[in-house]
Amino acid sequence: MDLRDPNTWISHLLENLPDDKLACALKDDDPDWEYIDGEMLKLGSLAHSQLDIPEIQRRGLVILASESKDFRLLAHLLRTLQHAGDPLLALRLLALYVEHYWTVAAPQNAAHKQRFATQVLKRFETGVESFAETARTAQRDSLLAELAKLAQRWQEQNIPALAQAVDDLSSQYRRAFR
């Protein structure tokens, strides 16, 4: 599995699952989920250097493709990409997820899912300046297009608070690109 290839990420995310798995929340005693969730607690802590990010990503993508589209899992995977400085792929995955799975996938509690989404969006803010400094024009344009798609998707789902948060994030990127 080539974790550097965006198509690997996209294909695992978009892999079809039966309806029962599509809506299924990850089980707390699932060994791979336990590993991922436990390891992600270390991100940003002193134990951070002990993290095996590629293993977290590999296990997470396998679960996405075969077991569940649980948003909590996607949030962890997006965090690994945000931490690695790849907001473009993270935004592309988030926009695809919202388009295909937001209404059906776990958690079923809309308030919980929206809270997780707000946290995910907040994490993009920390990488605005570094992305602006290193991104080529095409990457900048792609990122802004993904943000526009994401805002539109949440507007279509009648979640104006998340759409507004994405618009605000887009404004931050636009300012940094000047």
N, C-alpha and C. Protein backbone atom coordinates (compact mmCIF):
# COMPACT_ATOMS: atom_id res chain seq x y z
N MET A 1 0.85 -1.18 0.00
CA MET A 1 0.00 0.00 0.00
C MET A 1 0.89 1.24 0.00
N ASP A 2 0.78 2.05 -1.06
CA ASP A 2 1.59 3.26 -1.18
C ASP A 2 0.85 4.44 -0.53
N LEU A 3 1.25 4.77 0.67
CA LEU A 3 0.59 5.84 1.42
C LEU A 3 0.91 7.23 0.87
N ARG A 4 1.90 7.32 -0.02
CA ARG A 4 2.23 8.62 -0.61
C ARG A 4 1.36 8.94 -1.82
N ASP A 5 0.63 7.93 -2.30
CA ASP A 5 -0.22 8.10 -3.48
C ASP A 5 -1.63 8.50 -3.05
N PRO A 6 -2.08 9.70 -3.41
CA PRO A 6 -3.44 10.12 -3.03
C PRO A 6 -4.52 9.14 -3.49
N ASN A 7 -4.30 8.48 -4.62
CA ASN A 7 -5.29 7.53 -5.12
C ASN A 7 -5.50 6.35 -4.18
N THR A 8 -4.46 5.98 -3.44
CA THR A 8 -4.59 4.91 -2.43
C THR A 8 -5.61 5.34 -1.38
N TRP A 9 -5.47 6.55 -0.91
CA TRP A 9 -6.37 7.08 0.11
C TRP A 9 -7.80 7.18 -0.42
N ILE A 10 -7.94 7.74 -1.60
CA ILE A 10 -9.27 7.95 -2.18
C ILE A 10 -9.96 6.62 -2.45
N SER A 11 -9.23 5.66 -3.01
CA SER A 11 -9.85 4.36 -3.33
C SER A 11 -10.28 3.62 -2.07
N HIS A 12 -9.50 3.70 -1.00
CA HIS A 12 -9.89 3.05 0.26
C HIS A 12 -11.12 3.73 0.87
N LEU A 13 -11.14 5.06 0.80
CA LEU A 13 -12.30 5.79 1.33
C LEU A 13 -13.57 5.43 0.56
N LEU A 14 -13.47 5.37 -0.75
CA LEU A 14 -14.65 5.18 -1.59
C LEU A 14 -15.01 3.72 -1.84
N GLU A 15 -14.26 2.81 -1.26
CA GLU A 15 -14.58 1.38 -1.42
C GLU A 15 -15.99 1.12 -0.90
N ASN A 16 -16.79 0.44 -1.72
CA ASN A 16 -18.18 0.15 -1.34
C ASN A 16 -18.25 -0.81 -0.17
N LEU A 17 -19.16 -0.54 0.73
CA LEU A 17 -19.45 -1.43 1.86
C LEU A 17 -20.94 -1.73 1.85
N PRO A 18 -21.32 -2.90 2.38
CA PRO A 18 -22.75 -3.18 2.54
C PRO A 18 -23.38 -2.14 3.48
N ASP A 19 -24.68 -1.91 3.32
CA ASP A 19 -25.37 -0.88 4.11
C ASP A 19 -25.18 -1.05 5.61
N ASP A 20 -25.19 -2.30 6.09
CA ASP A 20 -25.05 -2.52 7.53
C ASP A 20 -23.67 -2.08 8.03
N LYS A 21 -22.64 -2.29 7.23
CA LYS A 21 -21.30 -1.84 7.62
C LYS A 21 -21.14 -0.33 7.43
N LEU A 22 -21.81 0.18 6.43
CA LEU A 22 -21.72 1.60 6.13
C LEU A 22 -22.14 2.46 7.32
N ALA A 23 -23.21 2.07 7.97
CA ALA A 23 -23.75 2.84 9.09
C ALA A 23 -23.19 2.39 10.44
N CYS A 24 -22.39 1.35 10.43
CA CYS A 24 -21.91 0.73 11.68
C CYS A 24 -20.80 1.56 12.33
N ALA A 25 -20.96 1.78 13.63
CA ALA A 25 -19.90 2.43 14.40
C ALA A 25 -18.81 1.41 14.69
N LEU A 26 -17.59 1.89 14.79
CA LEU A 26 -16.49 1.00 15.16
C LEU A 26 -16.70 0.50 16.58
N LYS A 27 -16.39 -0.74 16.79
CA LYS A 27 -16.51 -1.34 18.12
C LYS A 27 -15.29 -0.97 18.95
N ASP A 28 -15.52 -0.58 20.20
CA ASP A 28 -14.41 -0.17 21.06
C ASP A 28 -13.41 -1.28 21.30
N ASP A 29 -13.83 -2.54 21.15
CA ASP A 29 -12.91 -3.64 21.39
C ASP A 29 -12.28 -4.18 20.10
N ASP A 30 -12.50 -3.52 18.98
CA ASP A 30 -11.84 -3.90 17.73
C ASP A 30 -10.35 -3.60 17.89
N PRO A 31 -9.47 -4.60 17.72
CA PRO A 31 -8.04 -4.39 17.99
C PRO A 31 -7.41 -3.28 17.14
N ASP A 32 -7.78 -3.21 15.88
CA ASP A 32 -7.19 -2.16 15.04
C ASP A 32 -7.67 -0.77 15.46
N TRP A 33 -8.96 -0.65 15.77
CA TRP A 33 -9.49 0.64 16.23
C TRP A 33 -8.87 1.01 17.58
N GLU A 34 -8.73 0.04 18.48
CA GLU A 34 -8.09 0.30 19.77
C GLU A 34 -6.68 0.84 19.56
N TYR A 35 -5.94 0.20 18.65
CA TYR A 35 -4.57 0.62 18.36
C TYR A 35 -4.56 2.06 17.84
N ILE A 36 -5.37 2.32 16.81
CA ILE A 36 -5.40 3.65 16.19
C ILE A 36 -5.80 4.72 17.20
N ASP A 37 -6.90 4.48 17.90
CA ASP A 37 -7.41 5.46 18.86
C ASP A 37 -6.40 5.69 19.98
N GLY A 38 -5.79 4.63 20.46
CA GLY A 38 -4.79 4.75 21.53
C GLY A 38 -3.54 5.49 21.07
N GLU A 39 -3.08 5.18 19.87
CA GLU A 39 -1.88 5.83 19.36
C GLU A 39 -2.11 7.31 19.08
N MET A 40 -3.29 7.65 18.62
CA MET A 40 -3.56 9.05 18.29
C MET A 40 -3.57 9.94 19.53
N LEU A 41 -3.78 9.35 20.69
CA LEU A 41 -3.69 10.13 21.93
C LEU A 41 -2.28 10.66 22.15
N LYS A 42 -1.29 9.98 21.56
CA LYS A 42 0.10 10.38 21.73
C LYS A 42 0.49 11.57 20.84
N LEU A 43 -0.27 11.78 19.76
CA LEU A 43 0.08 12.85 18.82
C LEU A 43 0.03 14.19 19.54
N GLY A 44 1.14 14.90 19.51
CA GLY A 44 1.23 16.18 20.18
C GLY A 44 1.72 16.08 21.62
N SER A 45 1.97 14.86 22.10
CA SER A 45 2.46 14.69 23.47
C SER A 45 3.95 14.34 23.44
N LEU A 46 4.50 14.11 24.62
CA LEU A 46 5.91 13.73 24.69
C LEU A 46 6.16 12.37 24.06
N ALA A 47 5.15 11.52 24.03
CA ALA A 47 5.29 10.18 23.44
C ALA A 47 5.15 10.21 21.92
N HIS A 48 5.04 11.40 21.37
CA HIS A 48 4.81 11.57 19.93
C HIS A 48 5.87 10.86 19.08
N SER A 49 7.12 10.90 19.51
CA SER A 49 8.20 10.30 18.72
C SER A 49 8.07 8.79 18.59
N GLN A 50 7.26 8.18 19.45
CA GLN A 50 7.08 6.73 19.40
C GLN A 50 5.98 6.31 18.43
N LEU A 51 5.32 7.27 17.82
CA LEU A 51 4.21 6.97 16.92
C LEU A 51 4.69 6.35 15.61
N ASP A 52 3.97 5.35 15.15
CA ASP A 52 4.21 4.76 13.84
C ASP A 52 3.06 5.22 12.94
N ILE A 53 3.20 6.45 12.42
CA ILE A 53 2.13 7.05 11.62
C ILE A 53 1.76 6.18 10.41
N PRO A 54 2.73 5.66 9.66
CA PRO A 54 2.34 4.82 8.52
C PRO A 54 1.51 3.60 8.94
N GLU A 55 1.78 3.01 10.08
CA GLU A 55 1.00 1.86 10.54
C GLU A 55 -0.42 2.29 10.92
N ILE A 56 -0.53 3.44 11.57
CA ILE A 56 -1.86 3.98 11.89
C ILE A 56 -2.64 4.21 10.60
N GLN A 57 -1.99 4.82 9.63
CA GLN A 57 -2.65 5.10 8.36
C GLN A 57 -3.04 3.81 7.64
N ARG A 58 -2.13 2.85 7.59
CA ARG A 58 -2.41 1.59 6.91
C ARG A 58 -3.61 0.89 7.52
N ARG A 59 -3.59 0.74 8.84
CA ARG A 59 -4.71 0.07 9.52
C ARG A 59 -6.02 0.83 9.32
N GLY A 60 -5.94 2.14 9.40
CA GLY A 60 -7.14 2.95 9.23
C GLY A 60 -7.74 2.82 7.84
N LEU A 61 -6.89 2.82 6.82
CA LEU A 61 -7.39 2.69 5.46
C LEU A 61 -8.01 1.32 5.22
N VAL A 62 -7.42 0.29 5.80
CA VAL A 62 -7.99 -1.06 5.67
C VAL A 62 -9.38 -1.10 6.29
N ILE A 63 -9.54 -0.50 7.46
CA ILE A 63 -10.86 -0.48 8.12
C ILE A 63 -11.86 0.30 7.26
N LEU A 64 -11.44 1.46 6.73
CA LEU A 64 -12.34 2.26 5.89
C LEU A 64 -12.82 1.47 4.68
N ALA A 65 -11.92 0.68 4.10
CA ALA A 65 -12.26 -0.06 2.88
C ALA A 65 -13.05 -1.33 3.15
N SER A 66 -12.99 -1.84 4.39
CA SER A 66 -13.58 -3.17 4.61
C SER A 66 -14.59 -3.26 5.75
N GLU A 67 -14.57 -2.31 6.69
CA GLU A 67 -15.38 -2.48 7.89
C GLU A 67 -16.35 -1.35 8.21
N SER A 68 -15.91 -0.11 8.07
CA SER A 68 -16.72 1.00 8.58
C SER A 68 -16.28 2.32 7.96
N LYS A 69 -17.23 3.22 7.82
CA LYS A 69 -16.94 4.59 7.39
C LYS A 69 -17.13 5.55 8.57
N ASP A 70 -16.94 5.05 9.78
CA ASP A 70 -17.11 5.83 11.01
C ASP A 70 -16.28 7.11 10.91
N PHE A 71 -16.93 8.25 11.14
CA PHE A 71 -16.26 9.54 11.01
C PHE A 71 -15.12 9.70 12.01
N ARG A 72 -15.21 9.04 13.14
CA ARG A 72 -14.12 9.14 14.13
C ARG A 72 -12.82 8.61 13.54
N LEU A 73 -12.91 7.53 12.77
CA LEU A 73 -11.73 6.97 12.11
C LEU A 73 -11.19 7.95 11.08
N LEU A 74 -12.07 8.49 10.26
CA LEU A 74 -11.61 9.45 9.26
C LEU A 74 -10.95 10.65 9.94
N ALA A 75 -11.51 11.12 11.04
CA ALA A 75 -10.92 12.26 11.75
C ALA A 75 -9.48 11.96 12.17
N HIS A 76 -9.23 10.75 12.65
CA HIS A 76 -7.85 10.37 13.02
C HIS A 76 -6.95 10.35 11.79
N LEU A 77 -7.43 9.77 10.69
CA LEU A 77 -6.62 9.70 9.48
C LEU A 77 -6.33 11.11 8.94
N LEU A 78 -7.33 11.96 8.98
CA LEU A 78 -7.11 13.34 8.53
C LEU A 78 -6.08 14.03 9.41
N ARG A 79 -6.11 13.75 10.68
CA ARG A 79 -5.15 14.37 11.60
C ARG A 79 -3.72 13.95 11.25
N THR A 80 -3.53 12.69 10.84
CA THR A 80 -2.18 12.27 10.45
C THR A 80 -1.72 13.03 9.21
N LEU A 81 -2.63 13.28 8.30
CA LEU A 81 -2.28 14.04 7.09
C LEU A 81 -2.03 15.51 7.42
N GLN A 82 -2.85 16.08 8.27
CA GLN A 82 -2.66 17.47 8.68
C GLN A 82 -1.31 17.62 9.37
N HIS A 83 -1.00 16.68 10.24
CA HIS A 83 0.26 16.74 10.98
C HIS A 83 1.46 16.63 10.03
N ALA A 84 1.30 15.84 8.97
CA ALA A 84 2.37 15.65 8.00
C ALA A 84 2.45 16.80 6.99
N GLY A 85 1.56 17.77 7.09
CA GLY A 85 1.59 18.91 6.20
C GLY A 85 0.95 18.65 4.84
N ASP A 86 -0.06 17.80 4.81
CA ASP A 86 -0.76 17.52 3.55
C ASP A 86 -2.24 17.91 3.66
N PRO A 87 -2.50 19.21 3.81
CA PRO A 87 -3.90 19.63 3.95
C PRO A 87 -4.72 19.42 2.68
N LEU A 88 -4.07 19.42 1.53
CA LEU A 88 -4.81 19.25 0.28
C LEU A 88 -5.45 17.87 0.21
N LEU A 89 -4.68 16.83 0.48
CA LEU A 89 -5.25 15.48 0.47
C LEU A 89 -6.28 15.33 1.59
N ALA A 90 -6.00 15.89 2.74
CA ALA A 90 -6.95 15.81 3.86
C ALA A 90 -8.28 16.46 3.48
N LEU A 91 -8.23 17.62 2.86
CA LEU A 91 -9.47 18.31 2.45
C LEU A 91 -10.20 17.54 1.35
N ARG A 92 -9.44 16.98 0.42
CA ARG A 92 -10.07 16.19 -0.65
C ARG A 92 -10.82 15.01 -0.05
N LEU A 93 -10.19 14.33 0.90
CA LEU A 93 -10.84 13.18 1.55
C LEU A 93 -12.07 13.61 2.34
N LEU A 94 -11.94 14.72 3.06
CA LEU A 94 -13.07 15.20 3.85
C LEU A 94 -14.25 15.57 2.94
N ALA A 95 -13.98 16.25 1.84
CA ALA A 95 -15.05 16.63 0.91
C ALA A 95 -15.72 15.39 0.31
N LEU A 96 -14.93 14.39 -0.06
CA LEU A 96 -15.50 13.14 -0.59
C LEU A 96 -16.32 12.42 0.47
N TYR A 97 -15.81 12.42 1.68
CA TYR A 97 -16.53 11.75 2.77
C TYR A 97 -17.89 12.42 2.99
N VAL A 98 -17.89 13.73 3.07
CA VAL A 98 -19.15 14.45 3.31
C VAL A 98 -20.13 14.19 2.16
N GLU A 99 -19.62 14.15 0.95
CA GLU A 99 -20.47 13.90 -0.22
C GLU A 99 -21.09 12.50 -0.17
N HIS A 100 -20.30 11.50 0.20
CA HIS A 100 -20.74 10.10 0.08
C HIS A 100 -21.29 9.48 1.37
N TYR A 101 -20.78 9.90 2.53
CA TYR A 101 -21.07 9.14 3.75
C TYR A 101 -21.63 9.94 4.92
N TRP A 102 -21.58 11.26 4.85
CA TRP A 102 -21.93 12.08 6.01
C TRP A 102 -23.28 11.70 6.60
N THR A 103 -24.27 11.52 5.78
CA THR A 103 -25.63 11.29 6.30
C THR A 103 -25.86 9.87 6.78
N VAL A 104 -25.03 8.91 6.34
CA VAL A 104 -25.30 7.51 6.68
C VAL A 104 -24.32 6.90 7.68
N ALA A 105 -23.10 7.40 7.72
CA ALA A 105 -22.07 6.77 8.54
C ALA A 105 -22.14 7.21 10.00
N ALA A 106 -21.55 6.39 10.85
CA ALA A 106 -21.47 6.67 12.29
C ALA A 106 -20.52 7.85 12.52
N PRO A 107 -20.68 8.55 13.61
CA PRO A 107 -21.74 8.39 14.62
C PRO A 107 -23.08 8.93 14.10
N GLN A 108 -24.12 8.29 14.54
CA GLN A 108 -25.46 8.68 14.10
C GLN A 108 -25.94 9.97 14.78
N ASN A 109 -25.38 10.28 15.93
CA ASN A 109 -25.73 11.51 16.63
C ASN A 109 -25.12 12.70 15.88
N ALA A 110 -25.98 13.50 15.27
CA ALA A 110 -25.52 14.61 14.43
C ALA A 110 -24.67 15.61 15.20
N ALA A 111 -25.02 15.87 16.45
CA ALA A 111 -24.25 16.83 17.25
C ALA A 111 -22.82 16.33 17.48
N HIS A 112 -22.66 15.04 17.74
CA HIS A 112 -21.32 14.48 17.93
C HIS A 112 -20.51 14.58 16.64
N LYS A 113 -21.14 14.21 15.54
CA LYS A 113 -20.44 14.24 14.26
C LYS A 113 -20.02 15.68 13.92
N GLN A 114 -20.89 16.63 14.17
CA GLN A 114 -20.56 18.02 13.88
C GLN A 114 -19.44 18.53 14.79
N ARG A 115 -19.43 18.07 16.03
CA ARG A 115 -18.34 18.46 16.94
C ARG A 115 -17.00 17.92 16.44
N PHE A 116 -16.98 16.66 15.99
CA PHE A 116 -15.75 16.09 15.43
C PHE A 116 -15.32 16.88 14.20
N ALA A 117 -16.28 17.24 13.35
CA ALA A 117 -15.96 17.99 12.13
C ALA A 117 -15.37 19.36 12.47
N THR A 118 -15.91 20.00 13.48
CA THR A 118 -15.39 21.30 13.91
C THR A 118 -13.94 21.16 14.36
N GLN A 119 -13.64 20.10 15.10
CA GLN A 119 -12.26 19.85 15.54
C GLN A 119 -11.34 19.63 14.35
N VAL A 120 -11.81 18.84 13.38
CA VAL A 120 -11.01 18.59 12.18
C VAL A 120 -10.71 19.90 11.46
N LEU A 121 -11.72 20.73 11.30
CA LEU A 121 -11.52 22.01 10.61
C LEU A 121 -10.56 22.91 11.37
N LYS A 122 -10.65 22.94 12.68
CA LYS A 122 -9.73 23.75 13.50
C LYS A 122 -8.28 23.35 13.26
N ARG A 123 -8.05 22.04 13.09
CA ARG A 123 -6.68 21.56 12.90
C ARG A 123 -6.07 22.02 11.58
N PHE A 124 -6.91 22.37 10.63
CA PHE A 124 -6.37 22.89 9.37
C PHE A 124 -5.74 24.26 9.57
N GLU A 125 -6.22 25.01 10.54
CA GLU A 125 -5.73 26.37 10.76
C GLU A 125 -4.24 26.42 11.07
N THR A 126 -3.74 25.41 11.78
CA THR A 126 -2.33 25.43 12.17
C THR A 126 -1.39 25.28 10.99
N GLY A 127 -1.86 24.75 9.88
CA GLY A 127 -0.98 24.54 8.73
C GLY A 127 -1.13 25.55 7.62
N VAL A 128 -1.91 26.59 7.83
CA VAL A 128 -2.18 27.56 6.77
C VAL A 128 -0.88 28.21 6.28
N GLU A 129 -0.09 28.75 7.19
CA GLU A 129 1.12 29.49 6.79
C GLU A 129 2.13 28.59 6.10
N SER A 130 2.38 27.41 6.64
CA SER A 130 3.39 26.54 6.02
C SER A 130 2.94 26.06 4.64
N PHE A 131 1.64 25.78 4.49
CA PHE A 131 1.15 25.39 3.16
C PHE A 131 1.30 26.56 2.19
N ALA A 132 0.95 27.75 2.63
CA ALA A 132 1.04 28.93 1.77
C ALA A 132 2.47 29.18 1.30
N GLU A 133 3.45 28.89 2.16
CA GLU A 133 4.85 29.13 1.82
C GLU A 133 5.39 28.11 0.83
N THR A 134 4.89 26.87 0.88
CA THR A 134 5.49 25.81 0.08
C THR A 134 4.66 25.37 -1.13
N ALA A 135 3.39 25.68 -1.15
CA ALA A 135 2.50 25.18 -2.21
C ALA A 135 2.71 25.92 -3.52
N ARG A 136 2.61 25.15 -4.60
CA ARG A 136 2.61 25.75 -5.94
C ARG A 136 1.22 26.32 -6.22
N THR A 137 1.11 27.12 -7.25
CA THR A 137 -0.16 27.76 -7.60
C THR A 137 -1.25 26.72 -7.83
N ALA A 138 -0.94 25.64 -8.53
CA ALA A 138 -1.95 24.61 -8.80
C ALA A 138 -2.45 23.97 -7.50
N GLN A 139 -1.54 23.76 -6.55
CA GLN A 139 -1.94 23.18 -5.26
C GLN A 139 -2.83 24.16 -4.50
N ARG A 140 -2.48 25.42 -4.54
CA ARG A 140 -3.30 26.44 -3.87
C ARG A 140 -4.70 26.47 -4.47
N ASP A 141 -4.77 26.47 -5.80
CA ASP A 141 -6.07 26.50 -6.47
C ASP A 141 -6.88 25.25 -6.13
N SER A 142 -6.22 24.10 -6.10
CA SER A 142 -6.92 22.85 -5.76
C SER A 142 -7.45 22.88 -4.34
N LEU A 143 -6.64 23.40 -3.42
CA LEU A 143 -7.08 23.48 -2.03
C LEU A 143 -8.30 24.38 -1.90
N LEU A 144 -8.27 25.53 -2.54
CA LEU A 144 -9.42 26.45 -2.48
C LEU A 144 -10.66 25.82 -3.12
N ALA A 145 -10.46 25.05 -4.18
CA ALA A 145 -11.60 24.36 -4.82
C ALA A 145 -12.19 23.30 -3.89
N GLU A 146 -11.33 22.57 -3.18
CA GLU A 146 -11.82 21.56 -2.22
C GLU A 146 -12.58 22.23 -1.08
N LEU A 147 -12.08 23.36 -0.62
CA LEU A 147 -12.79 24.09 0.43
C LEU A 147 -14.16 24.55 -0.06
N ALA A 148 -14.23 25.04 -1.28
CA ALA A 148 -15.51 25.48 -1.84
C ALA A 148 -16.49 24.32 -1.94
N LYS A 149 -15.99 23.16 -2.40
CA LYS A 149 -16.85 21.96 -2.49
C LYS A 149 -17.36 21.55 -1.12
N LEU A 150 -16.46 21.57 -0.16
CA LEU A 150 -16.82 21.15 1.19
C LEU A 150 -17.88 22.08 1.79
N ALA A 151 -17.69 23.37 1.64
CA ALA A 151 -18.68 24.33 2.15
C ALA A 151 -20.03 24.10 1.47
N GLN A 152 -20.00 23.87 0.17
CA GLN A 152 -21.25 23.63 -0.56
C GLN A 152 -21.93 22.35 -0.08
N ARG A 153 -21.16 21.30 0.15
CA ARG A 153 -21.74 20.03 0.62
C ARG A 153 -22.45 20.23 1.96
N TRP A 154 -21.80 20.94 2.88
CA TRP A 154 -22.43 21.14 4.18
C TRP A 154 -23.62 22.10 4.08
N GLN A 155 -23.57 23.01 3.15
CA GLN A 155 -24.72 23.89 2.93
C GLN A 155 -25.89 23.05 2.41
N GLU A 156 -25.61 22.13 1.48
CA GLU A 156 -26.65 21.26 0.93
C GLU A 156 -27.25 20.35 2.00
N GLN A 157 -26.44 20.00 3.00
CA GLN A 157 -26.90 19.13 4.08
C GLN A 157 -27.57 19.94 5.20
N ASN A 158 -27.70 21.24 4.95
CA ASN A 158 -28.34 22.14 5.91
C ASN A 158 -27.58 22.19 7.25
N ILE A 159 -26.26 22.32 7.13
CA ILE A 159 -25.40 22.49 8.31
C ILE A 159 -24.62 23.79 8.11
N PRO A 160 -25.31 24.92 8.25
CA PRO A 160 -24.67 26.20 7.94
C PRO A 160 -23.47 26.53 8.82
N ALA A 161 -23.45 26.05 10.05
CA ALA A 161 -22.31 26.37 10.93
C ALA A 161 -21.02 25.77 10.37
N LEU A 162 -21.08 24.54 9.87
CA LEU A 162 -19.88 23.92 9.30
C LEU A 162 -19.53 24.57 7.97
N ALA A 163 -20.53 24.90 7.17
CA ALA A 163 -20.27 25.60 5.91
C ALA A 163 -19.58 26.93 6.18
N GLN A 164 -20.02 27.65 7.20
CA GLN A 164 -19.41 28.93 7.55
C GLN A 164 -17.98 28.73 8.06
N ALA A 165 -17.76 27.69 8.84
CA ALA A 165 -16.41 27.40 9.34
C ALA A 165 -15.46 27.13 8.17
N VAL A 166 -15.95 26.43 7.15
CA VAL A 166 -15.13 26.17 5.96
C VAL A 166 -14.87 27.47 5.20
N ASP A 167 -15.88 28.30 5.07
CA ASP A 167 -15.68 29.60 4.42
C ASP A 167 -14.65 30.44 5.17
N ASP A 168 -14.70 30.41 6.48
CA ASP A 168 -13.73 31.15 7.29
C ASP A 168 -12.32 30.60 7.07
N LEU A 169 -12.20 29.28 7.01
CA LEU A 169 -10.91 28.64 6.75
C LEU A 169 -10.40 29.03 5.37
N SER A 170 -11.29 29.05 4.40
CA SER A 170 -10.92 29.46 3.05
C SER A 170 -10.39 30.89 3.04
N SER A 171 -11.00 31.76 3.81
CA SER A 171 -10.53 33.15 3.91
C SER A 171 -9.12 33.21 4.50
N GLN A 172 -8.85 32.37 5.49
CA GLN A 172 -7.51 32.33 6.08
C GLN A 172 -6.48 31.92 5.03
N TYR A 173 -6.80 30.88 4.26
CA TYR A 173 -5.88 30.45 3.21
C TYR A 173 -5.70 31.54 2.16
N ARG A 174 -6.77 32.18 1.74
CA ARG A 174 -6.68 33.24 0.72
C ARG A 174 -5.77 34.38 1.21
N ARG A 175 -5.93 34.77 2.46
CA ARG A 175 -5.06 35.83 3.02
C ARG A 175 -3.60 35.39 3.02
N ALA A 176 -3.36 34.14 3.38
CA ALA A 176 -1.98 33.64 3.44
C ALA A 176 -1.37 33.53 2.04
N PHE A 177 -2.20 33.35 1.02
CA PHE A 177 -1.70 33.20 -0.35
C PHE A 177 -1.30 34.54 -0.98
N ARG A 178 -1.67 35.65 -0.37
CA ARG A 178 -1.35 36.97 -0.94
C ARG A 178 0.11 37.31 -0.81
